[in-house]
Amino acid sequence: VLGHNRQRYTLPHREILVEASQLLTRAEEILVKAAGEVNEGSIYTHGNLGELYLHDVGHVPLALLHNTKSCLVGLKLWGAEHPNVERKLSEFAAILGAVGFSSHAQPVLAGDMQALQ
């Protein structure tokens, strides 16, 4: 939020975005050490990193990578029918469509793990 406010008022905000990405990345490393690769927190940490890279940094490849990881963890943990996973798959399908990969959206919505890897 502070990075967004500074951006709106043309103050330097890059440092805050870099710090946010570093903190989220470190949080993910800690989660994996504590709970293993497939854990609920990783769904949201990767989702937050994806949002940060897409909306704040403008780095689409990293945004796609983290959204993919978020979906894969959710699918492995709970399956495609879980409401939180359905939401993540739907959000990711919308992002894919928005960045020109609409042909991949339907397999993602279906929870096709092969399509995500």
Foldseek 3Di string as FASTA:
>chain_A
DVLVVCVVVVHDRPVVLVVVLVVLVVVQVVCCVVPNLQDPVLLVSLQVNLCSCVPPVNNNVSNLVSLLSSLVSCCVPPRLPDVVSLVSLQVSCVVCVVVPNNVLSVCSNVSPNVSSD
